[in-house]
Amino acid sequence: MVREMDPNETSRAAAFRLWMEAPNPMVTFMKTLDVTPLVKLSRKRGLKFNMLLCWCIGKAAAGVEEFYILPVGQKLLQYDALAVNTIVKNRTGGVSSCDVRFRDDLIAFNREYLVCTAQAAQTCEDRDLSKECMVIGTSAIVDTELDGAVGMNSGIYNNPFLIWGRYRKKLFRYYLPLSFQFHHTQMDGAQAGRFLEELQNEIRQLAL
């Protein structure tokens, strides 16, 4: 469910006034994560690395209340559910966009991820949950290693967005640099930093 909020009745009132008309309202943080637990679990259980990372992203975001609001046009919307978007290579050689509703249960999330991404790849149709969920965008550029990436800064696409490339091996650990872009109306640097710390914590928890 989604509803329009009065910005003046939220903790984002000042940010709404400051950033909704800004020519460059997007902020990008870059961080290198230790993804060793994801690599090991992926290989041990036959789970997709990208699915595991998407689940950890949803899990970390679910604990940050700012992720449930989003500036859209000149409105501030509040959602009661999250989804994680992934880009899927489809059968024509192009790509399709696929939103997967976040579920706290990893097994249930994996099941929906596999079904939805397979359907998007076969039908070449996008799966859009933006009318039901606050969607966290992701893009995995697995053809190369990336040191960082910056998405659109126009304010047209305001959803939080993460980009990464191939993970790297150093000694016996695996590391993944990624970028996190967010609209300053939605959250400040403190909330964004907490999200990235929680993301690393959720990855570590999978080792347990």
Protein backbone atom coordinates (compact mmCIF):
# COMPACT_ATOMS: atom_id res chain seq x y z
CA MET A 1 0.00 0.00 0.00
CA VAL A 2 1.16 3.55 -0.72
CA ARG A 3 -0.20 6.88 0.49
CA GLU A 4 0.73 10.52 0.04
CA MET A 5 2.22 12.23 3.08
CA ASP A 6 2.22 15.85 4.16
CA PRO A 7 5.98 16.57 4.24
CA ASN A 8 5.48 19.07 7.08
CA GLU A 9 4.23 16.27 9.30
CA THR A 10 7.33 14.13 8.78
CA SER A 11 10.96 14.23 9.90
CA ARG A 12 11.88 15.05 6.27
CA ALA A 13 10.13 18.44 6.19
CA ALA A 14 13.34 20.50 6.05
CA ALA A 15 14.93 18.16 3.53
CA PHE A 16 11.81 18.35 1.35
CA ARG A 17 12.06 22.15 1.24
CA LEU A 18 15.81 22.10 0.57
CA TRP A 19 16.18 19.32 -1.97
CA MET A 20 13.00 18.87 -3.99
CA GLU A 21 13.88 21.81 -6.25
CA ALA A 22 17.65 21.25 -6.21
CA PRO A 23 19.27 20.76 -9.66
CA ASN A 24 21.31 17.86 -8.27
CA PRO A 25 19.38 16.20 -5.42
CA MET A 26 21.11 12.82 -5.61
CA VAL A 27 24.02 11.77 -3.38
CA THR A 28 26.35 8.83 -4.05
CA PHE A 29 28.34 6.92 -1.43
CA MET A 30 30.91 4.28 -2.34
CA LYS A 31 31.94 1.41 -0.07
CA THR A 32 33.84 -1.86 -0.35
CA LEU A 33 32.09 -4.82 1.28
CA ASP A 34 33.54 -8.11 2.47
CA VAL A 35 31.25 -10.55 0.66
CA THR A 36 33.11 -13.72 1.60
CA PRO A 37 30.05 -15.22 3.38
CA LEU A 38 27.92 -14.71 0.27
CA VAL A 39 30.47 -16.34 -2.02
CA LYS A 40 30.84 -19.34 0.30
CA LEU A 41 27.10 -19.78 0.84
CA SER A 42 26.44 -19.42 -2.89
CA ARG A 43 28.88 -22.20 -3.69
CA LYS A 44 27.89 -24.45 -0.80
CA ARG A 45 24.10 -24.25 -1.27
CA GLY A 46 23.92 -23.57 -5.01
CA LEU A 47 22.29 -20.17 -4.43
CA LYS A 48 22.79 -17.22 -6.75
CA PHE A 49 25.25 -14.64 -5.43
CA ASN A 50 23.14 -11.79 -6.81
CA MET A 51 20.02 -13.12 -5.07
CA LEU A 52 21.85 -13.32 -1.74
CA LEU A 53 23.14 -9.76 -2.06
CA CYS A 54 19.69 -8.47 -3.05
CA TRP A 55 18.19 -10.16 0.01
CA CYS A 56 20.82 -8.59 2.28
CA ILE A 57 20.08 -5.20 0.72
CA GLY A 58 16.38 -5.61 1.48
CA LYS A 59 17.10 -6.87 4.98
CA ALA A 60 19.36 -3.91 5.77
CA ALA A 61 16.94 -1.38 4.26
CA ALA A 62 13.99 -2.79 6.19
CA GLY A 63 15.55 -1.54 9.42
CA VAL A 64 15.92 2.07 8.20
CA GLU A 65 12.57 3.87 8.28
CA GLU A 66 13.57 6.41 5.60
CA PHE A 67 13.52 3.65 3.01
CA TYR A 68 9.74 3.50 3.30
CA ILE A 69 9.27 7.03 1.98
CA LEU A 70 10.10 8.35 -1.48
CA PRO A 71 9.86 11.71 -3.27
CA VAL A 72 7.90 11.24 -6.50
CA GLY A 73 7.25 14.30 -8.62
CA GLN A 74 6.36 16.97 -6.08
CA LYS A 75 4.91 14.47 -3.61
CA LEU A 76 6.28 12.51 -0.69
CA LEU A 77 4.92 8.97 -0.66
CA GLN A 78 4.94 6.41 2.13
CA TYR A 79 5.01 2.67 1.48
CA ASP A 80 4.50 -0.28 3.81
CA ALA A 81 6.60 -2.74 1.79
CA LEU A 82 9.95 -2.88 0.02
CA ALA A 83 11.08 -4.52 -3.20
CA VAL A 84 14.54 -5.00 -4.69
CA ASN A 85 14.96 -4.54 -8.42
CA THR A 86 17.37 -6.60 -10.50
CA ILE A 87 18.28 -6.38 -14.18
CA VAL A 88 17.81 -9.65 -16.08
CA LYS A 89 19.31 -10.71 -19.40
CA ASN A 90 16.37 -11.85 -21.52
CA ARG A 91 16.08 -14.37 -24.33
CA THR A 92 16.48 -11.75 -27.07
CA GLY A 93 19.89 -10.68 -25.78
CA GLY A 94 18.52 -7.51 -24.21
CA VAL A 95 17.68 -6.79 -20.59
CA SER A 96 14.46 -6.64 -18.59
CA SER A 97 13.78 -5.02 -15.25
CA CYS A 98 12.44 -7.25 -12.47
CA ASP A 99 11.14 -6.10 -9.07
CA VAL A 100 11.15 -8.75 -6.34
CA ARG A 101 9.19 -8.08 -3.17
CA PHE A 102 11.43 -8.27 -0.11
CA ARG A 103 10.59 -11.05 2.30
CA ASP A 104 12.36 -11.56 5.62
CA ASP A 105 12.42 -15.31 4.92
CA LEU A 106 15.43 -15.99 2.69
CA ILE A 107 13.95 -19.22 1.31
CA ALA A 108 10.72 -17.47 0.31
CA PHE A 109 12.64 -14.56 -1.22
CA ASN A 110 14.84 -16.96 -3.19
CA ARG A 111 11.79 -18.79 -4.51
CA GLU A 112 10.15 -15.57 -5.72
CA TYR A 113 13.45 -14.28 -7.12
CA LEU A 114 13.96 -17.40 -9.25
CA VAL A 115 10.38 -17.47 -10.53
CA CYS A 116 10.18 -13.76 -11.33
CA THR A 117 13.60 -13.41 -12.97
CA ALA A 118 12.99 -16.51 -15.10
CA GLN A 119 9.64 -15.11 -16.20
CA ALA A 120 11.16 -11.72 -17.05
CA ALA A 121 13.94 -13.41 -19.04
CA GLN A 122 11.45 -15.53 -21.01
CA THR A 123 8.73 -12.93 -21.66
CA CYS A 124 11.09 -9.94 -22.06
CA GLU A 125 8.59 -7.95 -20.00
CA ASP A 126 9.46 -5.75 -17.03
CA ARG A 127 8.00 -6.59 -13.63
CA ASP A 128 7.05 -3.33 -11.92
CA LEU A 129 5.99 -3.22 -8.27
CA SER A 130 6.44 0.54 -7.84
CA LYS A 131 2.72 1.07 -7.16
CA GLU A 132 2.89 -1.34 -4.23
CA CYS A 133 6.45 -1.16 -2.88
CA MET A 134 9.28 1.29 -2.43
CA VAL A 135 11.71 -0.20 -4.95
CA ILE A 136 15.47 -0.30 -4.35
CA GLY A 137 17.20 -0.36 -7.72
CA THR A 138 20.29 -2.47 -8.39
CA SER A 139 22.55 -3.09 -11.36
CA ALA A 140 25.22 -5.80 -11.42
CA ILE A 141 27.88 -5.18 -14.09
CA VAL A 142 29.45 -8.64 -13.90
CA ASP A 143 31.52 -8.27 -17.08
CA THR A 144 34.18 -6.24 -15.28
CA GLU A 145 35.44 -5.06 -11.90
CA LEU A 146 34.33 -1.57 -10.88
CA ASP A 147 35.94 0.85 -8.47
CA GLY A 148 32.80 2.97 -8.37
CA ALA A 149 29.82 4.17 -10.37
CA VAL A 150 27.47 7.15 -10.39
CA GLY A 151 23.91 6.89 -11.68
CA MET A 152 21.54 9.59 -12.89
CA ASN A 153 21.63 12.85 -10.95
CA SER A 154 18.65 14.46 -12.63
CA GLY A 155 16.03 13.68 -10.00
CA ILE A 156 13.88 11.90 -12.61
CA TYR A 157 14.47 8.49 -11.05
CA ASN A 158 14.50 9.15 -7.31
CA ASN A 159 14.66 5.59 -5.97
CA PRO A 160 17.75 4.49 -4.04
CA PHE A 161 20.09 2.61 -6.35
CA LEU A 162 23.10 0.33 -5.91
CA ILE A 163 25.63 -0.60 -8.60
CA TRP A 164 28.44 -3.17 -8.44
CA GLY A 165 30.71 -5.18 -10.71
CA ARG A 166 32.59 -8.45 -10.15
CA TYR A 167 33.85 -9.23 -6.68
CA ARG A 168 37.60 -9.52 -6.12
CA LYS A 169 39.64 -12.11 -4.28
CA LYS A 170 42.39 -11.00 -1.93
CA LEU A 171 44.17 -13.79 -0.10
CA PHE A 172 41.28 -15.88 1.30
CA ARG A 173 38.60 -13.15 1.28
CA TYR A 174 36.29 -11.72 -1.37
CA TYR A 175 35.57 -8.00 -1.67
CA LEU A 176 33.00 -6.04 -3.63
CA PRO A 177 33.12 -2.27 -4.22
CA LEU A 178 29.66 -0.83 -4.74
CA SER A 179 27.98 2.55 -5.02
CA PHE A 180 24.82 3.64 -3.25
CA GLN A 181 22.85 6.57 -4.69
CA PHE A 182 19.94 8.17 -2.85
CA HIS A 183 17.74 11.27 -3.03
CA HIS A 184 18.62 13.74 -0.29
CA THR A 185 14.92 14.35 0.40
CA GLN A 186 14.51 10.68 1.29
CA MET A 187 17.44 10.42 3.67
CA ASP A 188 20.56 12.15 4.96
CA GLY A 189 24.10 10.84 5.01
CA ALA A 190 23.64 9.44 8.51
CA GLN A 191 20.81 7.13 7.43
CA ALA A 192 22.64 6.16 4.25
CA GLY A 193 25.78 5.34 6.22
CA ARG A 194 23.77 3.28 8.71
CA PHE A 195 22.21 1.35 5.84
CA LEU A 196 25.64 0.47 4.41
CA GLU A 197 26.86 -0.64 7.83
CA GLU A 198 23.74 -2.76 8.26
CA LEU A 199 24.28 -4.24 4.80
CA GLN A 200 27.75 -5.40 5.83
CA ASN A 201 26.34 -6.75 9.10
CA GLU A 202 23.64 -8.73 7.29
CA ILE A 203 26.26 -10.26 5.01
CA ARG A 204 28.30 -11.29 8.04
CA GLN A 205 25.22 -12.79 9.70
CA LEU A 206 24.83 -15.22 6.81
CA ALA A 207 28.13 -16.78 7.85
CA LEU A 208 26.39 -17.89 11.05
